[in-house]
């Protein structure tokens, strides 16, 4: 079987105008998820250059980051850690608030989810303004994590979210 190119993956991402509000052009990844060949190819591209045994845990950001993060962790033989919205995790958490264009939000992670020094790959579907990803990075750093990479399927480059992630290595498969 021939490898799937990023161009083919990009062509499968559906644009949904005016969602979730007027003026927003939503990038819908569900067609990619619905096609096993494309979904597998996204994982291959996200994990390019990363070998099993080099990452202790993959961290996925609520909610679509769970899809890619959990699958990536399974493929690497690593643990998976969810970073969730405040109030959604059932045990003691660390929390990090961040500003949105229309208010603020808070994400959380279990206090024992990552041990100091563990090698972490942070995964999410989309990098927009970078607020959620930066908050997740801050949480992981509180726990003493060594962030090996921050990988996204899609980056909305015009929103400059990359700037909020400091010196961490960032990889985005598709940039608009």
Protein backbone atom coordinates (compact mmCIF):
# COMPACT_ATOMS: atom_id res chain seq x y z
CA UNK A 1 0.00 0.00 0.00
CA UNK A 2 1.28 3.45 -0.93
CA UNK A 3 1.93 5.92 1.92
CA UNK A 4 -0.66 8.65 2.49
CA UNK A 5 0.61 12.17 1.87
CA UNK A 6 -0.17 15.19 3.99
CA UNK A 7 -1.85 16.67 0.91
CA UNK A 8 -4.32 13.77 0.84
CA UNK A 9 -5.00 14.20 4.56
CA UNK A 10 -5.50 17.95 4.12
CA UNK A 11 -7.96 17.36 1.28
CA UNK A 12 -10.01 15.18 3.64
CA UNK A 13 -10.40 17.88 6.28
CA UNK A 14 -13.83 19.43 5.91
CA UNK A 15 -14.33 23.19 6.20
CA UNK A 16 -17.49 24.11 8.09
CA UNK A 17 -18.33 27.82 7.74
CA UNK A 18 -19.80 29.78 10.65
CA UNK A 19 -19.20 27.06 13.27
CA UNK A 20 -19.32 27.35 16.23
CA UNK A 21 -20.21 30.98 15.56
CA UNK A 22 -20.45 33.34 12.57
CA UNK A 23 -17.13 34.17 10.96
CA UNK A 24 -15.33 31.01 12.11
CA UNK A 25 -14.19 28.49 9.50
CA UNK A 26 -14.09 25.23 11.49
CA UNK A 27 -11.61 22.54 10.41
CA UNK A 28 -13.51 19.25 10.81
CA UNK A 29 -11.27 16.19 11.21
CA UNK A 30 -14.09 13.64 11.44
CA UNK A 31 -13.71 12.57 7.77
CA UNK A 32 -10.07 11.74 8.54
CA UNK A 33 -11.06 9.76 11.64
CA UNK A 34 -13.72 7.85 9.69
CA UNK A 35 -11.14 6.51 7.22
CA UNK A 36 -8.80 3.99 8.87
CA UNK A 37 -6.14 4.53 6.23
CA UNK A 38 -6.11 8.31 6.77
CA UNK A 39 -6.32 8.05 10.55
CA UNK A 40 -3.37 5.65 10.60
CA UNK A 41 -1.42 7.95 8.30
CA UNK A 42 -2.02 10.92 10.60
CA UNK A 43 -0.58 8.89 13.47
CA UNK A 44 2.42 7.88 11.35
CA UNK A 45 3.06 11.53 10.45
CA UNK A 46 2.56 12.73 14.05
CA UNK A 47 5.04 10.15 15.32
CA UNK A 48 7.59 10.51 12.53
CA UNK A 49 11.07 10.25 14.03
CA UNK A 50 9.78 9.09 17.43
CA UNK A 51 10.67 5.52 18.34
CA UNK A 52 8.96 3.31 20.91
CA UNK A 53 10.82 3.58 24.21
CA UNK A 54 11.75 7.26 23.75
CA UNK A 55 8.50 8.64 25.22
CA UNK A 56 7.22 7.68 28.68
CA UNK A 57 3.76 9.19 28.29
CA UNK A 58 1.67 10.83 25.62
CA UNK A 59 -0.56 13.62 26.90
CA UNK A 60 -3.75 14.47 25.00
CA UNK A 61 -5.74 17.67 25.42
CA UNK A 62 -9.53 17.55 25.93
CA UNK A 63 -11.24 16.40 23.77
CA UNK A 64 -10.02 15.65 20.24
CA UNK A 65 -6.45 15.42 21.52
CA UNK A 66 -7.61 12.31 23.38
CA UNK A 67 -8.28 10.57 20.07
CA UNK A 68 -4.84 11.16 18.62
CA UNK A 69 -2.99 11.02 21.94
CA UNK A 70 -4.40 7.69 23.08
CA UNK A 71 -3.79 6.10 19.68
CA UNK A 72 -0.23 7.51 19.61
CA UNK A 73 0.44 6.16 23.11
CA UNK A 74 -0.75 2.70 22.11
CA UNK A 75 1.43 2.77 19.01
CA UNK A 76 4.49 3.83 21.05
CA UNK A 77 3.80 1.45 23.93
CA UNK A 78 3.60 4.48 26.26
CA UNK A 79 1.12 5.55 28.90
CA UNK A 80 -1.60 8.05 28.10
CA UNK A 81 -2.52 11.09 30.24
CA UNK A 82 -5.62 13.21 29.66
CA UNK A 83 -5.55 16.97 30.27
CA UNK A 84 -9.20 17.83 30.86
CA UNK A 85 -11.40 20.80 31.48
CA UNK A 86 -11.68 21.79 35.15
CA UNK A 87 -14.01 19.58 37.16
CA UNK A 88 -13.90 16.59 34.76
CA UNK A 89 -11.17 14.51 36.44
CA UNK A 90 -12.20 12.37 39.43
CA UNK A 91 -9.15 12.77 41.68
CA UNK A 92 -6.77 15.42 43.05
CA UNK A 93 -5.57 17.72 40.27
CA UNK A 94 -3.26 20.56 39.37
CA UNK A 95 -5.06 23.29 37.44
CA UNK A 96 -3.99 26.01 35.06
CA UNK A 97 -6.18 28.89 33.88
CA UNK A 98 -5.70 30.76 30.63
CA UNK A 99 -7.34 33.59 28.74
CA UNK A 100 -9.62 33.14 25.77
CA UNK A 101 -10.79 35.81 23.36
CA UNK A 102 -14.19 35.66 25.11
CA UNK A 103 -13.22 34.94 28.74
CA UNK A 104 -11.07 32.36 30.49
CA UNK A 105 -10.87 28.61 30.92
CA UNK A 106 -9.08 26.14 33.16
CA UNK A 107 -7.54 22.77 32.41
CA UNK A 108 -6.47 20.12 34.89
CA UNK A 109 -4.33 17.00 35.20
CA UNK A 110 -4.10 14.45 38.02
CA UNK A 111 -1.26 15.30 40.43
CA UNK A 112 0.28 11.85 39.91
CA UNK A 113 -0.22 11.62 36.14
CA UNK A 114 3.40 12.41 35.29
CA UNK A 115 6.49 11.76 37.37
CA UNK A 116 9.37 14.23 37.46
CA UNK A 117 11.75 13.62 34.58
CA UNK A 118 9.36 11.60 32.46
CA UNK A 119 9.61 12.19 28.71
CA UNK A 120 6.35 13.59 27.40
CA UNK A 121 4.83 14.04 23.96
CA UNK A 122 1.89 16.47 24.05
CA UNK A 123 -0.66 15.91 21.27
CA UNK A 124 -3.73 17.82 20.13
CA UNK A 125 -5.71 18.13 16.93
CA UNK A 126 -5.44 21.91 16.53
CA UNK A 127 -3.15 24.78 17.48
CA UNK A 128 -5.07 28.05 17.27
CA UNK A 129 -4.20 30.85 19.72
CA UNK A 130 -2.11 28.46 21.80
CA UNK A 131 -3.82 29.15 25.12
CA UNK A 132 -4.91 25.60 25.87
CA UNK A 133 -1.63 24.06 24.75
CA UNK A 134 0.40 26.60 26.76
CA UNK A 135 -1.72 25.83 29.84
CA UNK A 136 -1.13 22.10 29.33
CA UNK A 137 2.62 22.72 29.00
CA UNK A 138 2.57 24.74 32.24
CA UNK A 139 0.77 21.90 34.04
CA UNK A 140 3.28 19.34 32.80
CA UNK A 141 6.19 21.54 33.80
CA UNK A 142 4.70 21.84 37.33
CA UNK A 143 4.94 18.07 37.50
CA UNK A 144 8.58 18.10 36.36
CA UNK A 145 7.94 16.62 32.92
CA UNK A 146 10.53 16.72 30.15
CA UNK A 147 8.49 17.82 27.16
CA UNK A 148 10.04 16.13 24.14
CA UNK A 149 7.55 17.55 21.65
CA UNK A 150 4.23 19.27 21.14
CA UNK A 151 2.53 17.86 18.05
CA UNK A 152 -0.62 19.00 16.27
CA UNK A 153 -2.54 17.75 13.28
CA UNK A 154 -3.54 21.29 12.24
CA UNK A 155 -2.10 24.72 12.98
CA UNK A 156 -3.89 27.97 12.25
CA UNK A 157 -0.65 29.87 11.68
CA UNK A 158 -2.33 33.26 11.31
CA UNK A 159 -3.35 33.12 15.01
CA UNK A 160 0.31 32.94 16.18
CA UNK A 161 -0.32 30.21 18.77
CA UNK A 162 3.20 28.93 18.27
CA UNK A 163 4.55 31.97 20.14
CA UNK A 164 2.88 30.82 23.37
CA UNK A 165 4.72 27.50 23.43
CA UNK A 166 8.18 28.92 24.16
CA UNK A 167 11.18 26.87 23.14
CA UNK A 168 9.42 23.53 23.06
CA UNK A 169 9.76 21.63 19.80
CA UNK A 170 6.46 21.97 17.94
CA UNK A 171 5.35 19.94 14.92
CA UNK A 172 2.19 20.69 12.96
CA UNK A 173 1.27 18.45 10.06
CA UNK A 174 -0.93 20.94 8.20
CA UNK A 175 -0.75 24.72 8.53
CA UNK A 176 -3.39 27.13 7.31
